[in-house]
PDB file of N, CA and C in Angstrom:
ATOM      1  N   MET A   1      76.315 127.913  34.264  1.00  0.00           N
ATOM      2  CA  MET A   1      75.992 129.516  34.566  1.00  0.00           C
ATOM      3  C   MET A   1      77.422 130.207  33.388  1.00  0.00           C
ATOM      4  N   ALA A   2      77.628 130.968  32.671  1.00  0.00           N
ATOM      5  CA  ALA A   2      78.402 131.147  31.785  1.00  0.00           C
ATOM      6  C   ALA A   2      78.791 132.494  32.460  1.00  0.00           C
ATOM      7  N   VAL A   3      80.489 132.571  32.234  1.00  0.00           N
ATOM      8  CA  VAL A   3      80.655 133.860  32.929  1.00  0.00           C
ATOM      9  C   VAL A   3      81.182 134.965  31.823  1.00  0.00           C
ATOM     10  N   GLU A   4      81.004 135.871  31.903  1.00  0.00           N
ATOM     11  CA  GLU A   4      81.297 137.079  30.810  1.00  0.00           C
ATOM     12  C   GLU A   4      82.229 138.109  31.189  1.00  0.00           C
ATOM     13  N   LYS A   5      83.069 138.478  30.105  1.00  0.00           N
ATOM     14  CA  LYS A   5      84.331 138.853  30.141  1.00  0.00           C
ATOM     15  C   LYS A   5      84.010 140.147  29.245  1.00  0.00           C
ATOM     16  N   VAL A   6      84.348 141.346  29.570  1.00  0.00           N
ATOM     17  CA  VAL A   6      83.776 142.542  29.048  1.00  0.00           C
ATOM     18  C   VAL A   6      85.100 143.654  29.153  1.00  0.00           C
ATOM     19  N   ASN A   7      85.652 143.962  27.990  1.00  0.00           N
ATOM     20  CA  ASN A   7      87.342 144.553  28.194  1.00  0.00           C
ATOM     21  C   ASN A   7      86.627 145.824  28.512  1.00  0.00           C
ATOM     22  N   SER A   8      85.663 146.569  28.568  1.00  0.00           N
ATOM     23  CA  SER A   8      85.404 148.064  28.978  1.00  0.00           C
ATOM     24  C   SER A   8      85.595 148.420  30.492  1.00  0.00           C
ATOM     25  N   SER A   9      86.063 149.428  30.718  1.00  0.00           N
ATOM     26  CA  SER A   9      85.857 149.649  32.171  1.00  0.00           C
ATOM     27  C   SER A   9      84.304 149.809  32.496  1.00  0.00           C
ATOM     28  N   SER A  10      83.844 149.070  33.834  1.00  0.00           N
ATOM     29  CA  SER A  10      82.616 149.360  34.335  1.00  0.00           C
ATOM     30  C   SER A  10      82.667 150.585  35.433  1.00  0.00           C
ATOM     31  N   SER A  11      81.518 151.415  35.690  1.00  0.00           N
ATOM     32  CA  SER A  11      81.536 152.251  36.908  1.00  0.00           C
ATOM     33  C   SER A  11      81.111 151.451  38.147  1.00  0.00           C
ATOM     34  N   LEU A  12      81.090 152.053  39.000  1.00  0.00           N
ATOM     35  CA  LEU A  12      80.610 151.641  40.330  1.00  0.00           C
ATOM     36  C   LEU A  12      79.177 151.275  40.176  1.00  0.00           C
ATOM     37  N   ALA A  13      78.423 152.090  39.976  1.00  0.00           N
ATOM     38  CA  ALA A  13      76.901 151.957  39.504  1.00  0.00           C
ATOM     39  C   ALA A  13      76.739 150.517  38.786  1.00  0.00           C
ATOM     40  N   GLU A  14      77.668 150.269  37.914  1.00  0.00           N
ATOM     41  CA  GLU A  14      77.093 149.143  37.302  1.00  0.00           C
ATOM     42  C   GLU A  14      77.408 148.197  37.857  1.00  0.00           C
ATOM     43  N   VAL A  15      78.321 148.104  38.105  1.00  0.00           N
ATOM     44  CA  VAL A  15      78.877 147.140  39.272  1.00  0.00           C
ATOM     45  C   VAL A  15      77.969 146.810  40.365  1.00  0.00           C
ATOM     46  N   ILE A  16      77.480 147.676  41.004  1.00  0.00           N
ATOM     47  CA  ILE A  16      76.531 147.234  41.896  1.00  0.00           C
ATOM     48  C   ILE A  16      74.932 147.173  41.223  1.00  0.00           C
ATOM     49  N   ASP A  17      74.497 147.482  40.441  1.00  0.00           N
ATOM     50  CA  ASP A  17      73.582 147.105  40.006  1.00  0.00           C
ATOM     51  C   ASP A  17      73.569 145.670  39.507  1.00  0.00           C
ATOM     52  N   ARG A  18      74.714 145.081  38.784  1.00  0.00           N
ATOM     53  CA  ARG A  18      74.600 143.799  38.526  1.00  0.00           C
ATOM     54  C   ARG A  18      75.137 142.544  39.924  1.00  0.00           C
ATOM     55  N   ILE A  19      75.579 143.219  40.484  1.00  0.00           N
ATOM     56  CA  ILE A  19      75.434 142.566  41.983  1.00  0.00           C
ATOM     57  C   ILE A  19      73.753 142.571  42.851  1.00  0.00           C
ATOM     58  N   LEU A  20      73.403 143.595  42.619  1.00  0.00           N
ATOM     59  CA  LEU A  20      72.172 143.413  43.157  1.00  0.00           C
ATOM     60  C   LEU A  20      71.015 142.695  42.254  1.00  0.00           C
ATOM     61  N   ASP A  21      71.545 142.360  40.918  1.00  0.00           N
ATOM     62  CA  ASP A  21      70.368 141.520  39.772  1.00  0.00           C
ATOM     63  C   ASP A  21      70.657 140.567  40.134  1.00  0.00           C
ATOM     64  N   LYS A  22      72.094 140.038  40.489  1.00  0.00           N
ATOM     65  CA  LYS A  22      72.572 138.509  40.172  1.00  0.00           C
ATOM     66  C   LYS A  22      72.304 138.255  41.883  1.00  0.00           C
ATOM     67  N   GLY A  23      73.161 138.889  42.514  1.00  0.00           N
ATOM     68  CA  GLY A  23      73.086 138.493  43.970  1.00  0.00           C
ATOM     69  C   GLY A  23      74.892 137.466  44.077  1.00  0.00           C
ATOM     70  N   VAL A  24      74.952 137.698  45.431  1.00  0.00           N
ATOM     71  CA  VAL A  24      76.410 137.272  45.678  1.00  0.00           C
ATOM     72  C   VAL A  24      76.021 136.841  46.896  1.00  0.00           C
ATOM     73  N   VAL A  25      76.740 135.751  47.255  1.00  0.00           N
ATOM     74  CA  VAL A  25      76.527 134.636  48.553  1.00  0.00           C
ATOM     75  C   VAL A  25      77.869 134.517  49.114  1.00  0.00           C
ATOM     76  N   VAL A  26      78.328 134.852  50.522  1.00  0.00           N
ATOM     77  CA  VAL A  26      79.290 134.706  51.004  1.00  0.00           C
ATOM     78  C   VAL A  26      79.465 133.505  52.197  1.00  0.00           C
ATOM     79  N   ASP A  27      79.789 132.425  52.201  1.00  0.00           N
ATOM     80  CA  ASP A  27      79.365 131.796  53.243  1.00  0.00           C
ATOM     81  C   ASP A  27      81.216 131.018  53.999  1.00  0.00           C
ATOM     82  N   ALA A  28      81.095 131.373  55.184  1.00  0.00           N
ATOM     83  CA  ALA A  28      82.088 131.128  55.613  1.00  0.00           C
ATOM     84  C   ALA A  28      81.821 130.102  57.071  1.00  0.00           C
ATOM     85  N   TRP A  29      82.760 129.370  57.333  1.00  0.00           N
ATOM     86  CA  TRP A  29      82.515 128.430  58.663  1.00  0.00           C
ATOM     87  C   TRP A  29      83.867 128.268  59.023  1.00  0.00           C
ATOM     88  N   ILE A  30      84.304 128.519  60.370  1.00  0.00           N
ATOM     89  CA  ILE A  30      85.156 128.600  61.107  1.00  0.00           C
ATOM     90  C   ILE A  30      85.154 127.629  62.390  1.00  0.00           C
ATOM     91  N   ARG A  31      86.016 126.841  62.721  1.00  0.00           N
ATOM     92  CA  ARG A  31      86.239 126.059  63.955  1.00  0.00           C
ATOM     93  C   ARG A  31      87.653 125.868  64.448  1.00  0.00           C
ATOM     94  N   LEU A  32      87.689 126.385  65.784  1.00  0.00           N
ATOM     95  CA  LEU A  32      88.894 126.341  66.650  1.00  0.00           C
ATOM     96  C   LEU A  32      89.000 125.182  67.687  1.00  0.00           C
ATOM     97  N   SER A  33      89.810 124.551  67.906  1.00  0.00           N
ATOM     98  CA  SER A  33      89.874 123.571  68.728  1.00  0.00           C
ATOM     99  C   SER A  33      90.992 123.397  69.314  1.00  0.00           C
ATOM    100  N   LEU A  34      91.009 123.117  70.186  1.00  0.00           N
ATOM    101  CA  LEU A  34      92.302 122.399  71.130  1.00  0.00           C
ATOM    102  C   LEU A  34      92.179 121.282  72.075  1.00  0.00           C
ATOM    103  N   VAL A  35      93.066 120.474  71.612  1.00  0.00           N
ATOM    104  CA  VAL A  35      93.009 119.040  72.325  1.00  0.00           C
ATOM    105  C   VAL A  35      91.442 118.466  72.256  1.00  0.00           C
ATOM    106  N   GLY A  36      91.029 118.503  71.131  1.00  0.00           N
ATOM    107  CA  GLY A  36      89.400 117.959  71.223  1.00  0.00           C
ATOM    108  C   GLY A  36      88.491 118.923  71.779  1.00  0.00           C
ATOM    109  N   ILE A  37      88.825 119.804  72.350  1.00  0.00           N
ATOM    110  CA  ILE A  37      87.650 120.888  72.969  1.00  0.00           C
ATOM    111  C   ILE A  37      87.862 122.036  71.962  1.00  0.00           C
ATOM    112  N   GLU A  38      85.755 122.362  71.920  1.00  0.00           N
ATOM    113  CA  GLU A  38      85.820 123.232  71.046  1.00  0.00           C
ATOM    114  C   GLU A  38      86.008 124.425  71.610  1.00  0.00           C
ATOM    115  N   LEU A  39      86.572 124.997  71.173  1.00  0.00           N
ATOM    116  CA  LEU A  39      86.738 126.712  71.958  1.00  0.00           C
ATOM    117  C   LEU A  39      85.853 127.638  71.052  1.00  0.00           C
ATOM    118  N   LEU A  40      85.723 127.519  69.765  1.00  0.00           N
ATOM    119  CA  LEU A  40      85.582 128.581  69.032  1.00  0.00           C
ATOM    120  C   LEU A  40      84.558 128.472  67.835  1.00  0.00           C
ATOM    121  N   THR A  41      83.309 128.572  67.248  1.00  0.00           N
ATOM    122  CA  THR A  41      82.750 128.369  65.935  1.00  0.00           C
ATOM    123  C   THR A  41      82.302 129.648  65.720  1.00  0.00           C
ATOM    124  N   ILE A  42      82.064 129.754  64.724  1.00  0.00           N
ATOM    125  CA  ILE A  42      81.814 130.524  63.629  1.00  0.00           C
ATOM    126  C   ILE A  42      80.848 130.517  62.172  1.00  0.00           C
ATOM    127  N   GLU A  43      79.871 130.626  62.288  1.00  0.00           N
ATOM    128  CA  GLU A  43      79.197 130.430  60.917  1.00  0.00           C
ATOM    129  C   GLU A  43      78.890 131.683  60.366  1.00  0.00           C
ATOM    130  N   ALA A  44      78.494 132.045  59.200  1.00  0.00           N
ATOM    131  CA  ALA A  44      78.562 132.930  58.810  1.00  0.00           C
ATOM    132  C   ALA A  44      77.609 133.029  57.125  1.00  0.00           C
ATOM    133  N   ARG A  45      76.611 133.512  56.730  1.00  0.00           N
ATOM    134  CA  ARG A  45      76.119 133.545  55.398  1.00  0.00           C
ATOM    135  C   ARG A  45      75.517 134.722  55.119  1.00  0.00           C
ATOM    136  N   ILE A  46      76.345 135.463  54.098  1.00  0.00           N
ATOM    137  CA  ILE A  46      76.168 137.018  53.978  1.00  0.00           C
ATOM    138  C   ILE A  46      75.589 136.742  52.383  1.00  0.00           C
ATOM    139  N   VAL A  47      74.731 137.450  52.369  1.00  0.00           N
ATOM    140  CA  VAL A  47      73.660 137.688  50.967  1.00  0.00           C
ATOM    141  C   VAL A  47      73.536 138.806  50.815  1.00  0.00           C
ATOM    142  N   VAL A  48      73.976 139.113  49.447  1.00  0.00           N
ATOM    143  CA  VAL A  48      73.969 140.748  49.167  1.00  0.00           C
ATOM    144  C   VAL A  48      72.922 140.496  47.608  1.00  0.00           C
ATOM    145  N   ALA A  49      71.970 141.251  47.784  1.00  0.00           N
ATOM    146  CA  ALA A  49      70.985 141.061  46.519  1.00  0.00           C
ATOM    147  C   ALA A  49      70.014 141.977  46.822  1.00  0.00           C
ATOM    148  N   SER A  50      68.989 142.480  45.989  1.00  0.00           N
ATOM    149  CA  SER A  50      68.234 143.019  46.196  1.00  0.00           C
ATOM    150  C   SER A  50      66.837 142.256  46.551  1.00  0.00           C
ATOM    151  N   VAL A  51      66.028 142.950  47.291  1.00  0.00           N
ATOM    152  CA  VAL A  51      64.730 142.150  48.055  1.00  0.00           C
ATOM    153  C   VAL A  51      64.019 141.330  46.885  1.00  0.00           C
ATOM    154  N   GLU A  52      64.137 141.944  45.564  1.00  0.00           N
ATOM    155  CA  GLU A  52      63.160 141.400  44.390  1.00  0.00           C
ATOM    156  C   GLU A  52      64.383 140.002  44.226  1.00  0.00           C
ATOM    157  N   THR A  53      65.127 140.079  43.723  1.00  0.00           N
ATOM    158  CA  THR A  53      66.481 138.747  43.408  1.00  0.00           C
ATOM    159  C   THR A  53      66.224 137.884  44.934  1.00  0.00           C
ATOM    160  N   TYR A  54      66.596 137.986  45.846  1.00  0.00           N
ATOM    161  CA  TYR A  54      66.267 137.546  47.136  1.00  0.00           C
ATOM    162  C   TYR A  54      65.043 136.505  47.034  1.00  0.00           C
ATOM    163  N   LEU A  55      63.919 137.378  47.180  1.00  0.00           N
ATOM    164  CA  LEU A  55      62.564 136.617  47.339  1.00  0.00           C
ATOM    165  C   LEU A  55      62.698 135.541  45.953  1.00  0.00           C
ATOM    166  N   LYS A  56      62.807 135.892  44.981  1.00  0.00           N
ATOM    167  CA  LYS A  56      62.682 134.973  43.672  1.00  0.00           C
ATOM    168  C   LYS A  56      63.501 133.798  43.920  1.00  0.00           C
ATOM    169  N   TYR A  57      64.786 133.584  44.323  1.00  0.00           N
ATOM    170  CA  TYR A  57      65.540 132.673  44.891  1.00  0.00           C
ATOM    171  C   TYR A  57      65.281 131.996  46.217  1.00  0.00           C
ATOM    172  N   ALA A  58      65.003 132.532  46.996  1.00  0.00           N
ATOM    173  CA  ALA A  58      64.231 132.131  48.382  1.00  0.00           C
ATOM    174  C   ALA A  58      63.207 131.447  47.942  1.00  0.00           C
ATOM    175  N   GLU A  59      62.083 131.733  47.032  1.00  0.00           N
ATOM    176  CA  GLU A  59      60.935 131.171  46.981  1.00  0.00           C
ATOM    177  C   GLU A  59      61.445 129.479  46.151  1.00  0.00           C
ATOM    178  N   ALA A  60      62.524 129.633  45.391  1.00  0.00           N
ATOM    179  CA  ALA A  60      62.893 128.421  44.664  1.00  0.00           C
ATOM    180  C   ALA A  60      63.086 127.302  45.544  1.00  0.00           C
ATOM    181  N   VAL A  61      63.685 127.796  46.771  1.00  0.00           N
ATOM    182  CA  VAL A  61      64.787 126.668  47.746  1.00  0.00           C
ATOM    183  C   VAL A  61      63.462 126.626  49.061  1.00  0.00           C
ATOM    184  N   GLY A  62      62.569 127.342  49.001  1.00  0.00           N
ATOM    185  CA  GLY A  62      61.465 126.819  50.147  1.00  0.00           C
ATOM    186  C   GLY A  62      61.870 127.931  51.447  1.00  0.00           C
ATOM    187  N   LEU A  63      62.515 128.921  51.220  1.00  0.00           N
ATOM    188  CA  LEU A  63      62.572 129.714  52.448  1.00  0.00           C
ATOM    189  C   LEU A  63      61.708 130.949  52.689  1.00  0.00           C
ATOM    190  N   THR A  64      60.488 130.798  52.002  1.00  0.00           N
ATOM    191  CA  THR A  64      59.922 131.530  51.955  1.00  0.00           C
ATOM    192  C   THR A  64      58.377 131.421  52.930  1.00  0.00           C
ATOM    193  N   THR A  65      58.201 130.104  53.246  1.00  0.00           N
ATOM    194  CA  THR A  65      57.334 129.716  53.754  1.00  0.00           C
ATOM    195  C   THR A  65      57.343 130.113  55.566  1.00  0.00           C
ATOM    196  N   LEU A  66      58.603 130.181  55.928  1.00  0.00           N
ATOM    197  CA  LEU A  66      58.671 130.923  57.392  1.00  0.00           C
ATOM    198  C   LEU A  66      58.394 132.296  57.431  1.00  0.00           C
ATOM    199  N   ALA A  67      58.085 132.947  56.312  1.00  0.00           N
ATOM    200  CA  ALA A  67      57.859 134.192  56.614  1.00  0.00           C
ATOM    201  C   ALA A  67      56.272 134.462  55.762  1.00  0.00           C
ATOM    202  N   ALA A  68      55.407 133.745  56.538  1.00  0.00           N
ATOM    203  CA  ALA A  68      54.069 133.701  55.996  1.00  0.00           C
ATOM    204  C   ALA A  68      53.272 134.541  56.397  1.00  0.00           C
ATOM    205  N   ALA A  69      52.350 135.200  55.796  1.00  0.00           N
ATOM    206  CA  ALA A  69      51.606 136.467  56.143  1.00  0.00           C
ATOM    207  C   ALA A  69      50.868 136.159  57.825  1.00  0.00           C
ATOM    208  N   PRO A  70      50.615 137.206  58.464  1.00  0.00           N
ATOM    209  CA  PRO A  70      49.683 136.758  59.569  1.00  0.00           C
ATOM    210  C   PRO A  70      48.377 136.290  59.304  1.00  0.00           C
ATOM    211  N   GLY A  71      47.976 135.198  60.000  1.00  0.00           N
ATOM    212  CA  GLY A  71      46.892 134.677  59.995  1.00  0.00           C
ATOM    213  C   GLY A  71      46.685 133.323  58.781  1.00  0.00           C
ATOM    214  N   GLU A  72      47.880 133.121  58.371  1.00  0.00           N
ATOM    215  CA  GLU A  72      47.828 132.269  57.201  1.00  0.00           C
ATOM    216  C   GLU A  72      48.621 130.912  57.921  1.00  0.00           C
ATOM    217  N   ALA A  73      48.432 129.751  57.754  1.00  0.00           N
ATOM    218  CA  ALA A  73      49.204 128.781  58.525  1.00  0.00           C
ATOM    219  C   ALA A  73      49.956 128.284  57.263  1.00  0.00           C
ATOM    220  N   ALA A  74      51.345 127.646  57.964  1.00  0.00           N
ATOM    221  CA  ALA A  74      52.437 127.574  56.945  1.00  0.00           C
ATOM    222  C   ALA A  74      52.055 125.993  56.765  1.00  0.00           C
ATOM    223  N   ALA A  75      52.151 125.696  54.895  1.00  0.00           N
ATOM    224  CA  ALA A  75      51.624 124.217  54.991  1.00  0.00           C
ATOM    225  C   ALA A  75      52.740 123.106  54.941  1.00  0.00           C
TER     226      ALA A  75
END
């Protein structure tokens, strides 16, 4: 994946359009333990993308089978 650098300034609308077109994933995992006792675990996955972009990539990794249409059996 190539990184493009543009010297001209971008408007907020252009930045939001690019994020929705390409998508952004933030994956965080935190574990707090004391003397071997787990006190707190936080797992978060945040996806910011347009519905079209999300469905395109979710289908590629097999996540859309979970949301099968009613009446259809998941294969």
